[in-house]
Amino acid sequence: MLTALLPFISVLLLYLASPGPGLAFLAWFALVPLLLFCHRSTPAQAALWGLISGTLYHLLLIYWVTISMETYGGLPPQLAWPALFLLALYMALYFALFCFLVSKTKKRLSLLWFPPLLWVSLDYGRGLLLTGFPWMDMGYSQYGFPLLIQGADLTGHHGITFILVLANALLAHFFLTRERGHQKKQQRLAAAALILLSLTYSGIRFYQVKAELPSQPALKVAVVQANIEQTLKWQDDLKETNLERYLQLTREARKENAAELVIWPETALSFYPNIDPLMARVKKETVLSAPYHLLTGAPYVVRRQTEYAYYNSALLLTPQGKTEIYFKQHLVPFGEYIPLRSILPIPKPLVESMGDFSAGTSGAPLDMGAAQIGVLICIEAIYPDLARRATAQGATLLANITNDAWFGRSSAPAQHLAMAIFRTIENRRSMARAANTGISALILPTGEIVDHTGLFEPGYLSASLPLLSTTTFFTRIGFAFPLLCVTYTLFFLALFFKKRREK
């Protein structure tokens, strides 16, 4: 019975290490109880308890889904809570598969190297399957320690996850091999050396990049957080009142540092700018009255013959009166569109509460002359490849505009920010993050936060952000590291099952 508690100890430690509770150091040994459990259990037991504990973990991690659906989405509890449970159960399947395979292969595959290879492979798969939902992979827990995570410019955040799981496996390996009386000093030394090498590289790169920043071109940027309540955001009679809040905060922000670029959050304009006459006022009182650029989120409608296409967009308004547009590429399933709508038996209340947006097809940066802006709208910040491709196409600044009001007063805004920070390190680009209700932030290419806002408070941030143009290994190569992990994992599993058949 005590053995069965081990997965739940790991789950509790993993949750406490995540943004929100924020005890990130726990991630360095959180998986040790789980690994010990896998090596003391049958594969079936490991899978079952892995599924149960994994479901609990994800219920703790993404409990805010019910806030989005019930409080702001208008869904009844009888739909919102089952949806949360099903999502947590789906994510727990990867947890269960990890436990099953570690237990299944424990006598033949390395206790040290197989678990981190497998964990990263499963994270990578979860980020791809069913449109992908790579929410809070383990490496993200370390976002608050820039000195430790600079290796992301080589491997992406997956490399940080690998080192964390390897550290856990090293501790578990010590206990397990000592119990069996075996000496595995060489393996342990190799694992310890790799962890030390990773941390050494990270420390060196942190100070190298930090030393480069003062000599780089810089852009004066301001982000505005108007703190518009979600229930008031789309009321037609309040759209001018809401707009005035953005205009007033913008005037204050530019008075402070004469920002060259001002950024408003996702759907800051709660109307269609290409058909609403209120857009003329926006331009007149912003970029046409002073020499700066304005990046703002807005819904956008495009007529296509007899039909209309709706987009979640970002508009870059210039002092010359021109407008550049980015359409969100990665939409939220069951939030911004309904996948397989024609064949799935979706309840009518669920359909009525969801959007019906089209996805954009171009991630090209928006050109403001002094900088090329790679835009990430809302959840796009959690998908490394979108930021990577924008950077590869010439982006010198990343802008994440989001409306995290959907999350309420939960840990989700901190989780969202944690993942966005890794995009800056992976590509060595500054990021300006504008969130309607927080957390807005200005972030350096080292992952350091220059300044940030609180939750549910109006305000603005302004600073000069360095514009780097160097290209990192990750930007050039992309997901080479997790693909390498997948390759080795499949190779070791094929070898394992081949030897079993030969017995």
Protein backbone atom coordinates (compact mmCIF):
# COMPACT_ATOMS: atom_id res chain seq x y z
CA MET A 1 0.00 0.00 0.00
CA LEU A 2 2.84 2.39 0.83
CA THR A 3 4.38 1.67 -2.58
CA ALA A 4 1.14 2.76 -4.28
CA LEU A 5 1.50 6.20 -2.67
CA LEU A 6 4.79 6.88 -4.46
CA PRO A 7 3.23 8.13 -7.74
CA PHE A 8 1.04 10.54 -5.78
CA ILE A 9 4.07 11.93 -3.94
CA SER A 10 5.65 12.62 -7.33
CA VAL A 11 2.44 14.24 -8.57
CA LEU A 12 2.30 16.52 -5.54
CA LEU A 13 5.95 17.54 -5.95
CA LEU A 14 5.50 18.16 -9.69
CA TYR A 15 2.49 20.36 -9.06
CA LEU A 16 4.28 22.33 -6.33
CA ALA A 17 7.18 22.87 -8.76
CA SER A 18 4.91 24.42 -11.40
CA PRO A 19 4.21 28.17 -11.77
CA GLY A 20 1.62 29.16 -9.22
CA PRO A 21 3.00 27.29 -6.22
CA GLY A 22 6.38 28.09 -7.78
CA LEU A 23 8.67 25.74 -5.80
CA ALA A 24 10.71 25.04 -8.92
CA PHE A 25 13.61 23.31 -7.12
CA LEU A 26 11.30 20.37 -6.36
CA ALA A 27 11.38 19.39 -10.05
CA TRP A 28 14.98 18.19 -9.61
CA PHE A 29 13.81 15.23 -7.51
CA ALA A 30 10.03 15.12 -7.98
CA LEU A 31 10.10 12.02 -10.21
CA VAL A 32 12.26 9.90 -7.90
CA PRO A 33 9.27 8.33 -6.06
CA LEU A 34 7.58 7.59 -9.41
CA LEU A 35 10.69 5.93 -10.83
CA LEU A 36 11.10 3.83 -7.69
CA PHE A 37 7.46 2.80 -7.99
CA CYS A 38 7.88 1.78 -11.65
CA HIS A 39 10.84 -0.46 -10.77
CA ARG A 40 8.98 -2.15 -7.90
CA SER A 41 5.70 -2.75 -9.77
CA THR A 42 4.45 -4.87 -12.62
CA PRO A 43 3.87 -3.06 -15.93
CA ALA A 44 0.10 -3.31 -15.47
CA GLN A 45 0.27 -1.84 -11.97
CA ALA A 46 2.58 0.92 -13.14
CA ALA A 47 0.23 1.85 -16.00
CA LEU A 48 -2.88 1.84 -13.79
CA TRP A 49 -1.44 3.93 -10.98
CA GLY A 50 0.32 6.12 -13.52
CA LEU A 51 -3.03 6.83 -15.17
CA ILE A 52 -4.76 7.60 -11.87
CA SER A 53 -1.98 9.80 -10.48
CA GLY A 54 -1.43 11.43 -13.89
CA THR A 55 -5.09 12.37 -14.07
CA LEU A 56 -4.88 13.91 -10.61
CA TYR A 57 -1.76 15.85 -11.61
CA HIS A 58 -3.37 17.38 -14.65
CA LEU A 59 -6.57 18.17 -12.76
CA LEU A 60 -4.40 20.18 -10.37
CA LEU A 61 -2.43 21.75 -13.22
CA ILE A 62 -5.26 22.77 -15.57
CA TYR A 63 -8.18 23.20 -13.18
CA TRP A 64 -8.58 26.67 -14.70
CA VAL A 65 -10.19 25.10 -17.78
CA THR A 66 -13.50 25.12 -15.91
CA ILE A 67 -13.12 28.86 -15.24
CA SER A 68 -12.72 29.46 -18.97
CA MET A 69 -15.66 27.28 -19.92
CA GLU A 70 -18.08 27.82 -17.04
CA THR A 71 -17.50 31.34 -15.70
CA TYR A 72 -16.70 33.05 -19.01
CA GLY A 73 -17.79 30.55 -21.65
CA GLY A 74 -21.28 30.16 -20.28
CA LEU A 75 -21.21 26.37 -20.18
CA PRO A 76 -23.18 24.62 -17.44
CA PRO A 77 -21.11 22.70 -14.83
CA GLN A 78 -22.41 19.38 -16.14
CA LEU A 79 -20.53 20.08 -19.38
CA ALA A 80 -17.51 22.02 -18.09
CA TRP A 81 -16.36 19.56 -15.41
CA PRO A 82 -16.59 16.42 -17.57
CA ALA A 83 -14.64 18.29 -20.27
CA LEU A 84 -11.89 19.08 -17.76
CA PHE A 85 -11.78 15.47 -16.59
CA LEU A 86 -11.57 14.12 -20.15
CA LEU A 87 -8.74 16.51 -21.01
CA ALA A 88 -6.85 15.56 -17.82
CA LEU A 89 -7.44 11.88 -18.57
CA TYR A 90 -6.10 12.29 -22.10
CA MET A 91 -2.95 14.01 -20.86
CA ALA A 92 -2.55 11.30 -18.20
CA LEU A 93 -2.32 8.65 -20.93
CA TYR A 94 1.22 9.86 -21.65
CA PHE A 95 2.03 9.64 -17.95
CA ALA A 96 0.67 6.10 -17.82
CA LEU A 97 2.59 5.05 -20.94
CA PHE A 98 5.79 6.36 -19.38
CA CYS A 99 5.20 4.31 -16.23
CA PHE A 100 4.29 1.21 -18.22
CA LEU A 101 7.37 1.27 -20.46
CA VAL A 102 9.81 2.08 -17.65
CA SER A 103 8.41 -0.84 -15.65
CA LYS A 104 8.31 -3.15 -18.67
CA THR A 105 11.93 -2.55 -19.65
CA LYS A 106 13.47 -2.17 -16.18
CA LYS A 107 15.56 -5.37 -16.36
CA ARG A 108 17.12 -4.72 -19.76
CA LEU A 109 17.20 -0.99 -20.54
CA SER A 110 19.24 1.61 -18.69
CA LEU A 111 17.70 2.88 -15.49
CA LEU A 112 19.48 6.15 -16.18
CA TRP A 113 19.14 6.99 -19.85
CA PHE A 114 15.86 5.44 -20.94
CA PRO A 115 13.50 7.47 -18.68
CA PRO A 116 14.64 10.95 -19.88
CA LEU A 117 14.65 9.80 -23.51
CA LEU A 118 11.15 8.40 -23.13
CA TRP A 119 9.78 11.38 -21.20
CA VAL A 120 10.96 13.88 -23.83
CA SER A 121 9.64 11.67 -26.63
CA LEU A 122 6.18 11.58 -25.04
CA ASP A 123 6.22 15.35 -24.46
CA TYR A 124 7.08 15.85 -28.11
CA GLY A 125 4.26 13.54 -29.20
CA ARG A 126 1.76 15.33 -26.97
CA GLY A 127 2.78 18.59 -28.60
CA LEU A 128 1.83 17.21 -32.03
CA LEU A 129 -1.10 14.81 -31.70
CA LEU A 130 -4.69 16.12 -31.97
CA THR A 131 -3.41 19.62 -32.89
CA GLY A 132 -0.99 19.46 -29.96
CA PHE A 133 -1.32 20.61 -26.36
CA PRO A 134 2.21 20.97 -24.91
CA TRP A 135 1.00 22.77 -21.81
CA MET A 136 3.57 23.03 -19.01
CA ASP A 137 6.15 20.45 -20.05
CA MET A 138 8.42 19.80 -17.08
CA GLY A 139 11.28 22.03 -18.24
CA TYR A 140 9.04 25.11 -18.05
CA SER A 141 9.08 24.89 -14.26
CA GLN A 142 12.58 26.44 -14.30
CA TYR A 143 11.55 29.67 -16.07
CA GLY A 144 12.42 31.74 -13.00
CA PHE A 145 16.08 30.64 -13.07
CA PRO A 146 17.54 32.06 -16.31
CA LEU A 147 21.04 31.06 -15.23
CA LEU A 148 20.04 27.37 -15.50
CA ILE A 149 18.07 27.24 -18.75
CA GLN A 150 20.21 28.88 -21.44
CA GLY A 151 20.78 25.51 -23.09
CA ALA A 152 17.36 26.02 -24.66
CA ASP A 153 19.14 27.93 -27.45
CA LEU A 154 20.53 24.53 -28.54
CA THR A 155 17.79 22.04 -27.73
CA GLY A 156 14.68 24.07 -27.05
CA HIS A 157 12.82 23.60 -23.79
CA HIS A 158 12.90 19.83 -24.34
CA GLY A 159 16.59 19.81 -23.47
CA ILE A 160 15.87 21.37 -20.08
CA THR A 161 13.23 18.70 -19.47
CA PHE A 162 15.77 16.01 -20.41
CA ILE A 163 18.29 17.30 -17.86
CA LEU A 164 15.63 17.46 -15.13
CA VAL A 165 14.45 13.89 -15.76
CA LEU A 166 18.07 12.70 -15.99
CA ALA A 167 18.79 14.27 -12.58
CA ASN A 168 15.76 12.43 -11.17
CA ALA A 169 16.86 9.18 -12.81
CA LEU A 170 20.35 9.62 -11.37
CA LEU A 171 18.97 9.85 -7.84
CA ALA A 172 16.63 6.91 -8.40
CA HIS A 173 19.48 4.90 -9.96
CA PHE A 174 21.59 5.45 -6.86
CA PHE A 175 18.88 4.03 -4.57
CA LEU A 176 17.98 1.15 -6.87
CA THR A 177 21.50 -0.06 -7.63
CA ARG A 178 22.51 0.26 -3.99
CA GLU A 179 19.60 -1.94 -3.01
CA ARG A 180 20.74 -4.58 -5.48
CA GLY A 181 24.40 -4.29 -4.49
CA HIS A 182 25.48 -3.36 -8.02
CA GLN A 183 28.10 -0.79 -8.85
CA LYS A 184 27.18 1.47 -11.74
CA LYS A 185 29.68 4.22 -11.09
CA GLN A 186 30.55 4.84 -14.73
CA GLN A 187 26.94 5.37 -15.76
CA ARG A 188 26.30 7.67 -12.83
CA LEU A 189 29.47 9.64 -13.50
CA ALA A 190 28.49 10.07 -17.15
CA ALA A 191 25.01 11.30 -16.20
CA ALA A 192 26.38 13.66 -13.56
CA ALA A 193 28.94 14.98 -16.06
CA LEU A 194 26.22 15.69 -18.64
CA ILE A 195 24.12 17.57 -16.08
CA LEU A 196 27.17 19.56 -14.98
CA LEU A 197 28.09 20.29 -18.61
CA SER A 198 24.57 21.55 -19.30
CA LEU A 199 24.60 23.85 -16.28
CA THR A 200 28.10 25.11 -17.12
CA TYR A 201 27.11 25.89 -20.70
CA SER A 202 24.01 27.66 -19.43
CA GLY A 203 25.98 29.84 -17.05
CA ILE A 204 28.55 30.77 -19.70
CA ARG A 205 25.91 31.60 -22.32
CA PHE A 206 23.91 33.66 -19.83
CA TYR A 207 26.81 36.01 -19.18
CA GLN A 208 27.91 36.01 -22.83
CA VAL A 209 24.49 37.12 -24.10
CA LYS A 210 24.03 39.55 -21.23
CA ALA A 211 27.35 41.18 -22.10
CA GLU A 212 26.29 41.58 -25.76
CA LEU A 213 22.98 43.35 -25.05
CA PRO A 214 24.25 46.92 -24.35
CA SER A 215 25.96 47.09 -27.75
CA GLN A 216 22.88 45.97 -29.72
CA PRO A 217 20.27 48.22 -31.37
CA ALA A 218 17.31 48.86 -29.07
CA LEU A 219 13.66 49.75 -29.49
CA LYS A 220 11.56 51.76 -27.05
CA VAL A 221 8.51 49.61 -26.40
CA ALA A 222 5.42 50.07 -24.25
CA VAL A 223 2.75 47.45 -23.50
CA VAL A 224 -0.70 48.45 -22.27
CA GLN A 225 -2.83 46.42 -19.87
CA ALA A 226 -6.30 47.98 -19.75
CA ASN A 227 -7.81 45.25 -17.54
CA ILE A 228 -11.17 45.01 -19.33
CA GLU A 229 -13.41 42.48 -17.62
CA GLN A 230 -14.29 39.57 -19.87
CA THR A 231 -18.01 40.06 -19.22
CA LEU A 232 -17.76 43.70 -20.38
CA LYS A 233 -15.30 43.28 -23.22
CA TRP A 234 -17.80 42.55 -26.00
CA GLN A 235 -20.70 44.78 -24.96
CA ASP A 236 -21.40 47.00 -27.95
CA ASP A 237 -22.41 49.99 -25.83
CA LEU A 238 -19.05 49.89 -24.00
CA LYS A 239 -16.67 49.60 -26.93
CA GLU A 240 -15.88 53.33 -26.98
CA THR A 241 -15.45 53.38 -23.18
CA ASN A 242 -13.09 50.43 -23.38
CA LEU A 243 -11.18 52.04 -26.23
CA GLU A 244 -10.72 55.23 -24.21
CA ARG A 245 -8.98 53.24 -21.48
CA TYR A 246 -6.41 52.03 -24.01
CA LEU A 247 -5.96 55.51 -25.45
CA GLN A 248 -5.44 57.09 -22.04
CA LEU A 249 -2.90 54.47 -20.91
CA THR A 250 -1.10 54.84 -24.24
CA ARG A 251 -0.80 58.59 -23.76
CA GLU A 252 0.65 58.03 -20.29
CA ALA A 253 3.07 55.37 -21.51
CA ARG A 254 4.41 57.49 -24.37
CA LYS A 255 4.76 60.50 -22.09
CA GLU A 256 7.08 58.43 -19.94
CA ASN A 257 9.52 57.13 -22.57
CA ALA A 258 8.33 58.21 -26.05
CA ALA A 259 7.82 54.61 -27.08
CA GLU A 260 8.42 53.83 -30.74
CA LEU A 261 6.12 50.81 -30.53
CA VAL A 262 3.02 50.52 -28.36
CA ILE A 263 1.37 47.12 -28.00
CA TRP A 264 -2.23 46.44 -27.01
CA PRO A 265 -3.44 42.91 -26.13
CA GLU A 266 -5.35 40.30 -28.09
CA THR A 267 -8.74 41.62 -29.31
CA ALA A 268 -8.11 44.96 -27.58
CA LEU A 269 -10.37 46.32 -30.33
CA SER A 270 -13.70 44.63 -29.72
CA PHE A 271 -14.96 45.42 -33.21
CA TYR A 272 -14.04 44.64 -36.81
CA PRO A 273 -11.52 47.38 -37.70
CA ASN A 274 -11.98 47.07 -41.46
CA ILE A 275 -15.72 47.78 -41.33
CA ASP A 276 -16.28 49.77 -38.11
CA PRO A 277 -16.03 53.59 -38.36
CA LEU A 278 -14.56 53.67 -34.85
CA MET A 279 -11.27 52.57 -36.38
CA ALA A 280 -10.79 56.05 -37.78
CA ARG A 281 -10.67 57.40 -34.23
CA VAL A 282 -8.10 54.77 -33.22
CA LYS A 283 -5.74 55.86 -35.99
CA LYS A 284 -6.37 59.59 -35.48
CA GLU A 285 -5.63 59.48 -31.74
CA THR A 286 -2.64 57.16 -31.97
CA VAL A 287 -0.21 56.78 -34.88
CA LEU A 288 -1.50 59.70 -36.98
CA SER A 289 -1.01 62.11 -34.09
CA ALA A 290 2.54 61.03 -33.11
CA PRO A 291 5.46 59.22 -34.80
CA TYR A 292 5.07 55.71 -33.39
CA HIS A 293 3.66 52.32 -34.37
CA LEU A 294 0.73 50.58 -32.71
CA LEU A 295 0.33 46.81 -32.60
CA THR A 296 -3.13 45.75 -31.49
CA GLY A 297 -5.25 42.64 -31.47
CA ALA A 298 -8.66 42.65 -33.15
CA PRO A 299 -11.17 40.32 -34.78
CA TYR A 300 -11.07 40.64 -38.55
CA VAL A 301 -13.54 39.70 -41.25
CA VAL A 302 -12.73 38.99 -44.89
CA ARG A 303 -15.40 38.53 -47.55
CA ARG A 304 -14.81 35.62 -49.91
CA GLN A 305 -17.37 35.61 -52.70
CA THR A 306 -20.63 34.72 -50.92
CA GLU A 307 -19.06 33.77 -47.57
CA TYR A 308 -17.18 35.53 -44.79
CA ALA A 309 -14.01 34.35 -43.07
CA TYR A 310 -13.29 35.51 -39.52
CA TYR A 311 -9.80 35.78 -38.06
CA ASN A 312 -8.16 36.47 -34.74
CA SER A 313 -5.67 39.07 -35.92
CA ALA A 314 -2.92 41.49 -34.99
CA LEU A 315 -2.76 44.85 -36.78
CA LEU A 316 0.37 46.97 -37.05
CA LEU A 317 -0.65 50.59 -37.63
CA THR A 318 2.04 52.91 -38.99
CA PRO A 319 2.45 56.73 -38.85
CA GLN A 320 2.11 56.71 -42.65
CA GLY A 321 -1.44 55.37 -42.33
CA LYS A 322 -0.62 51.86 -43.54
CA THR A 323 -1.72 48.66 -41.81
CA GLU A 324 0.04 45.30 -41.73
CA ILE A 325 -1.92 42.25 -40.63
CA TYR A 326 -1.09 38.93 -39.01
CA PHE A 327 -3.75 36.22 -38.75
CA LYS A 328 -3.47 33.74 -35.89
CA GLN A 329 -2.23 30.41 -37.21
CA HIS A 330 -2.76 27.98 -34.33
CA LEU A 331 -6.36 28.21 -33.15
CA VAL A 332 -7.68 26.77 -29.92
CA PRO A 333 -9.81 23.69 -30.64
CA PHE A 334 -13.27 23.94 -29.04
CA GLY A 335 -12.44 27.56 -28.23
CA GLU A 336 -11.89 29.29 -31.57
CA TYR A 337 -13.09 26.53 -33.85
CA ILE A 338 -14.76 23.14 -33.61
CA PRO A 339 -12.74 20.29 -35.14
CA LEU A 340 -14.74 17.64 -36.99
CA ARG A 341 -17.86 19.72 -36.39
CA SER A 342 -19.85 17.97 -39.10
CA ILE A 343 -19.42 14.50 -37.59
CA LEU A 344 -18.99 15.04 -33.83
CA PRO A 345 -22.14 15.06 -31.68
CA ILE A 346 -21.33 18.40 -30.05
CA PRO A 347 -24.05 19.64 -27.65
CA LYS A 348 -25.78 22.80 -28.88
CA PRO A 349 -24.84 24.95 -25.82
CA LEU A 350 -21.20 24.09 -26.45
CA VAL A 351 -21.43 25.05 -30.12
CA GLU A 352 -23.10 28.38 -29.34
CA SER A 353 -20.36 29.36 -26.86
CA MET A 354 -17.48 28.76 -29.28
CA GLY A 355 -15.96 30.83 -32.01
CA ASP A 356 -15.71 29.91 -35.64
CA PHE A 357 -12.41 31.41 -36.78
CA SER A 358 -10.26 30.57 -39.76
CA ALA A 359 -6.54 29.94 -39.35
CA GLY A 360 -3.90 32.17 -40.88
CA THR A 361 -1.24 30.64 -43.10
CA SER A 362 1.67 33.08 -42.84
CA GLY A 363 4.01 33.66 -39.93
CA ALA A 364 6.04 36.35 -41.67
CA PRO A 365 7.08 39.19 -39.33
CA LEU A 366 5.35 42.55 -39.49
CA ASP A 367 7.68 45.29 -40.71
CA MET A 368 7.92 48.50 -38.70
CA GLY A 369 11.26 49.53 -40.15
CA ALA A 370 13.27 49.70 -36.92
CA ALA A 371 12.21 46.14 -36.06
CA GLN A 372 10.64 43.07 -37.59
CA ILE A 373 7.89 41.85 -35.28
CA GLY A 374 7.15 38.15 -34.92
CA VAL A 375 3.60 38.00 -33.54
CA LEU A 376 2.30 35.24 -31.27
CA ILE A 377 -1.38 35.53 -30.40
CA CYS A 378 -2.38 34.01 -27.07
CA ILE A 379 -1.68 30.27 -26.94
CA GLU A 380 0.68 30.46 -29.92
CA ALA A 381 3.39 31.33 -27.38
CA ILE A 382 3.38 27.73 -26.12
CA TYR A 383 4.27 26.32 -29.56
CA PRO A 384 8.06 26.71 -30.04
CA ASP A 385 7.97 26.24 -33.79
CA LEU A 386 5.84 29.33 -34.43
CA ALA A 387 8.33 31.64 -32.73
CA ARG A 388 11.21 29.76 -34.34
CA ARG A 389 9.81 30.15 -37.85
CA ALA A 390 9.05 33.84 -37.32
CA THR A 391 12.63 34.37 -36.16
CA ALA A 392 14.01 32.38 -39.09
CA GLN A 393 12.03 34.71 -41.39
CA GLY A 394 13.73 37.76 -39.89
CA ALA A 395 11.88 38.70 -36.69
CA THR A 396 14.06 40.81 -34.38
CA LEU A 397 11.37 41.21 -31.71
CA LEU A 398 8.71 38.78 -30.50
CA ALA A 399 5.32 40.19 -29.48
CA ASN A 400 2.91 38.00 -27.54
CA ILE A 401 -0.56 39.53 -27.32
CA THR A 402 -3.07 37.65 -25.22
CA ASN A 403 -6.32 37.86 -23.30
CA ASP A 404 -5.77 35.72 -20.21
CA ALA A 405 -8.94 37.05 -18.59
CA TRP A 406 -10.39 33.67 -19.57
CA PHE A 407 -8.24 32.07 -16.88
CA GLY A 408 -9.59 34.14 -14.01
CA ARG A 409 -7.52 34.37 -10.82
CA SER A 410 -5.75 31.08 -11.34
CA SER A 411 -2.22 29.85 -11.91
CA ALA A 412 -2.75 29.76 -15.70
CA PRO A 413 -1.47 33.29 -16.43
CA ALA A 414 1.81 32.45 -14.64
CA GLN A 415 2.03 29.15 -16.53
CA HIS A 416 1.40 30.91 -19.82
CA LEU A 417 4.12 33.48 -19.08
CA ALA A 418 6.58 30.74 -18.10
CA MET A 419 6.24 29.06 -21.49
CA ALA A 420 6.48 32.34 -23.39
CA ILE A 421 9.79 33.14 -21.67
CA PHE A 422 11.43 30.09 -23.23
CA ARG A 423 10.71 31.45 -26.72
CA THR A 424 13.06 34.36 -25.95
CA ILE A 425 15.96 32.08 -24.97
CA GLU A 426 15.43 29.58 -27.77
CA ASN A 427 15.66 32.30 -30.43
CA ARG A 428 17.63 35.01 -28.56
CA ARG A 429 14.96 37.61 -29.10
CA SER A 430 13.42 40.13 -26.74
CA MET A 431 9.69 39.75 -26.15
CA ALA A 432 7.01 42.31 -25.37
CA ARG A 433 3.97 40.65 -23.87
CA ALA A 434 0.67 42.51 -23.62
CA ALA A 435 -2.12 40.77 -21.70
CA ASN A 436 -5.56 42.26 -21.19
CA THR A 437 -5.72 41.42 -17.47
CA GLY A 438 -2.12 40.28 -16.95
CA ILE A 439 0.50 39.06 -16.77
CA SER A 440 2.08 41.58 -19.17
CA ALA A 441 5.88 41.57 -19.32
CA LEU A 442 8.98 42.86 -21.07
CA ILE A 443 11.55 40.09 -21.44
CA LEU A 444 15.21 40.06 -22.52
CA PRO A 445 16.81 37.46 -24.85
CA THR A 446 18.29 35.86 -21.71
CA GLY A 447 14.79 35.11 -20.40
CA GLU A 448 15.13 37.77 -17.69
CA ILE A 449 11.99 39.78 -16.99
CA VAL A 450 12.70 43.51 -17.19
CA ASP A 451 9.30 44.35 -15.71
CA HIS A 452 5.87 42.82 -15.35
CA THR A 453 2.37 43.72 -14.21
CA GLY A 454 0.14 42.11 -11.64
CA LEU A 455 -3.13 40.34 -12.37
CA PHE A 456 -6.35 42.27 -12.88
CA GLU A 457 -4.90 45.74 -12.55
CA PRO A 458 -4.69 48.42 -15.25
CA GLY A 459 -1.33 49.86 -16.18
CA TYR A 460 1.51 49.88 -18.65
CA LEU A 461 5.16 48.92 -18.95
CA SER A 462 7.82 50.68 -20.96
CA ALA A 463 11.50 50.00 -21.60
CA SER A 464 14.13 49.85 -24.33
CA LEU A 465 14.45 46.26 -25.54
CA PRO A 466 17.60 45.07 -27.36
CA LEU A 467 17.12 43.75 -30.90
CA LEU A 468 19.43 40.84 -31.60
CA SER A 469 19.84 39.47 -35.12
CA THR A 470 22.00 36.40 -34.43
CA THR A 471 20.52 32.99 -35.24
CA THR A 472 20.65 30.24 -32.63
CA PHE A 473 21.20 26.56 -33.22
CA PHE A 474 17.59 25.93 -32.21
CA THR A 475 16.27 28.51 -34.68
CA ARG A 476 18.21 26.82 -37.49
CA ILE A 477 17.62 23.19 -36.53
CA GLY A 478 14.31 23.26 -34.69
CA PHE A 479 13.17 20.05 -33.01
CA ALA A 480 16.33 18.06 -33.73
CA PHE A 481 16.84 17.20 -30.06
CA PRO A 482 13.38 15.74 -29.29
CA LEU A 483 13.47 13.90 -32.61
CA LEU A 484 16.80 12.42 -31.58
CA CYS A 485 15.20 11.34 -28.31
CA VAL A 486 12.33 9.74 -30.23
CA THR A 487 14.81 7.91 -32.48
CA TYR A 488 16.80 6.52 -29.57
CA THR A 489 13.64 5.60 -27.66
CA LEU A 490 12.25 3.63 -30.60
CA PHE A 491 15.65 2.00 -31.16
CA PHE A 492 15.92 0.85 -27.54
CA LEU A 493 12.33 -0.40 -27.51
CA ALA A 494 12.85 -2.31 -30.76
CA LEU A 495 16.01 -3.85 -29.30
CA PHE A 496 14.19 -4.76 -26.11
CA PHE A 497 11.27 -6.48 -27.83
CA LYS A 498 13.61 -8.24 -30.27
CA LYS A 499 15.58 -9.77 -27.42
CA ARG A 500 12.36 -10.85 -25.74
CA ARG A 501 11.24 -12.68 -28.86
CA GLU A 502 14.60 -14.42 -29.12
CA LYS A 503 14.42 -15.83 -25.60
